[in-house]
Amino acid sequence: MAYSETLANRVREALPENLNVEEKAMMGGLAFMVNDKMCVGIIKDELMCRIDPELHAAAVEENGCRTMDFTKRPMKGYVMIDETGLRTRQELAYWVNLCLDFNDRAKSSKRKK
């Protein structure tokens, strides 16, 4: 199993139904694209969050959160949350909402044809 289906289902439940969400296999995991932009994802059993880079320093102080370094290069604005930061529905909702709040301002990485 490349990613946690249980966590994927929890994310699906946490995302509002009226959003334009597309699920894509990405980086050996699953990415939830909102309005054609990567918003939140799952890699193995961790939640990958794309957040406002201005909130990054405060976010990594939260329980279970660390800077994403998927390519061995720390990425400001991307954090990983392990199971200790996702125990409750409220904790998961906190992270998903941070991602959604930033999504409108995030740049699309959609390739031009």
Protein backbone atom coordinates (compact mmCIF):
# COMPACT_ATOMS: atom_id res chain seq x y z
CA MET A 1 0.00 0.00 0.00
CA ALA A 2 1.54 3.31 -1.13
CA TYR A 3 -0.65 5.46 1.11
CA SER A 4 -3.15 5.11 3.94
CA GLU A 5 -6.66 4.58 2.56
CA THR A 6 -8.01 5.28 6.03
CA LEU A 7 -6.41 8.72 6.04
CA ALA A 8 -7.58 9.30 2.45
CA ASN A 9 -11.15 8.61 3.50
CA ARG A 10 -10.81 10.98 6.46
CA VAL A 11 -9.56 13.72 4.12
CA ARG A 12 -12.45 13.09 1.71
CA GLU A 13 -14.87 13.55 4.61
CA ALA A 14 -13.10 16.73 5.77
CA LEU A 15 -13.24 18.43 2.36
CA PRO A 16 -16.42 20.41 1.68
CA GLU A 17 -18.69 18.74 -0.88
CA ASN A 18 -19.09 21.87 -3.01
CA LEU A 19 -15.39 22.07 -3.97
CA ASN A 20 -13.86 21.28 -7.34
CA VAL A 21 -11.66 18.40 -6.06
CA GLU A 22 -9.72 15.95 -8.19
CA GLU A 23 -7.68 13.08 -6.78
CA LYS A 24 -4.38 12.27 -8.47
CA ALA A 25 -1.75 9.65 -7.83
CA MET A 26 1.39 11.63 -7.10
CA MET A 27 4.80 11.06 -5.47
CA GLY A 28 3.86 7.52 -4.53
CA GLY A 29 0.83 8.83 -2.71
CA LEU A 30 -2.42 10.64 -3.35
CA ALA A 31 -2.90 14.36 -3.98
CA PHE A 32 -6.17 16.22 -3.61
CA MET A 33 -6.21 18.96 -6.23
CA VAL A 34 -8.56 21.88 -5.55
CA ASN A 35 -9.20 24.18 -8.50
CA ASP A 36 -6.34 22.49 -10.40
CA LYS A 37 -3.83 23.20 -7.61
CA MET A 38 -2.28 20.72 -5.21
CA CYS A 39 -3.92 21.42 -1.87
CA VAL A 40 -3.45 18.45 0.44
CA GLY A 41 -2.13 14.94 0.00
CA ILE A 42 -1.14 11.69 1.60
CA ILE A 43 2.27 10.08 1.46
CA LYS A 44 2.38 6.70 3.22
CA ASP A 45 0.55 7.42 6.48
CA GLU A 46 1.26 11.15 6.70
CA LEU A 47 -0.72 14.16 5.60
CA MET A 48 1.09 16.51 3.20
CA CYS A 49 -0.17 20.09 3.46
CA ARG A 50 0.41 23.05 1.17
CA ILE A 51 0.05 26.07 3.42
CA ASP A 52 0.82 29.77 3.34
CA PRO A 53 4.64 30.05 3.53
CA GLU A 54 4.17 32.90 6.02
CA LEU A 55 2.62 30.38 8.45
CA HIS A 56 5.30 27.74 7.98
CA ALA A 57 7.44 28.53 11.04
CA ALA A 58 4.43 28.48 13.36
CA ALA A 59 3.03 25.34 11.76
CA VAL A 60 6.13 23.23 12.38
CA GLU A 61 5.77 23.99 16.08
CA GLU A 62 2.43 22.14 16.11
CA ASN A 63 2.18 18.56 17.35
CA GLY A 64 3.20 16.01 14.69
CA CYS A 65 4.23 18.60 12.09
CA ARG A 66 7.55 18.87 10.25
CA THR A 67 8.84 20.55 7.11
CA MET A 68 8.37 18.49 3.97
CA ASP A 69 11.71 17.37 2.62
CA PHE A 70 10.56 14.79 0.10
CA THR A 71 13.49 15.46 -2.22
CA LYS A 72 15.92 16.00 0.69
CA ARG A 73 15.38 19.74 0.23
CA PRO A 74 13.19 21.49 2.79
CA MET A 75 10.20 23.12 1.12
CA LYS A 76 8.77 26.23 2.77
CA GLY A 77 4.99 26.17 2.59
CA TYR A 78 4.82 22.38 2.55
CA VAL A 79 4.54 20.40 5.78
CA MET A 80 4.00 16.78 6.74
CA ILE A 81 1.75 15.79 9.64
CA ASP A 82 2.17 12.39 11.27
CA GLU A 83 -0.50 10.45 13.14
CA THR A 84 0.23 12.28 16.43
CA GLY A 85 -1.13 15.48 14.88
CA LEU A 86 -4.17 13.82 13.28
CA ARG A 87 -5.79 11.90 16.11
CA THR A 88 -9.09 13.75 16.13
CA ARG A 89 -11.48 15.03 13.50
CA GLN A 90 -10.76 18.57 14.73
CA GLU A 91 -7.00 18.17 14.29
CA LEU A 92 -7.43 16.92 10.72
CA ALA A 93 -9.92 19.73 9.98
CA TYR A 94 -7.38 22.30 11.25
CA TRP A 95 -4.78 21.18 8.68
CA VAL A 96 -7.23 20.75 5.81
CA ASN A 97 -8.62 24.24 6.47
CA LEU A 98 -5.11 25.75 6.47
CA CYS A 99 -4.59 24.19 3.05
CA LEU A 100 -7.95 25.40 1.74
CA ASP A 101 -7.34 28.92 3.08
CA PHE A 102 -4.11 29.14 1.07
CA ASN A 103 -5.43 27.44 -2.07
CA ASP A 104 -7.03 30.56 -3.54
CA ARG A 105 -3.70 32.41 -3.35
CA ALA A 106 -1.48 29.47 -4.33
CA LYS A 107 0.06 29.45 -7.76
CA SER A 108 -1.05 26.74 -10.12
CA SER A 109 1.65 24.43 -11.37
CA LYS A 110 -0.48 23.45 -14.33
CA ARG A 111 1.73 22.98 -17.35
CA LYS A 112 1.17 25.13 -20.40
CA LYS A 113 0.64 23.32 -23.68
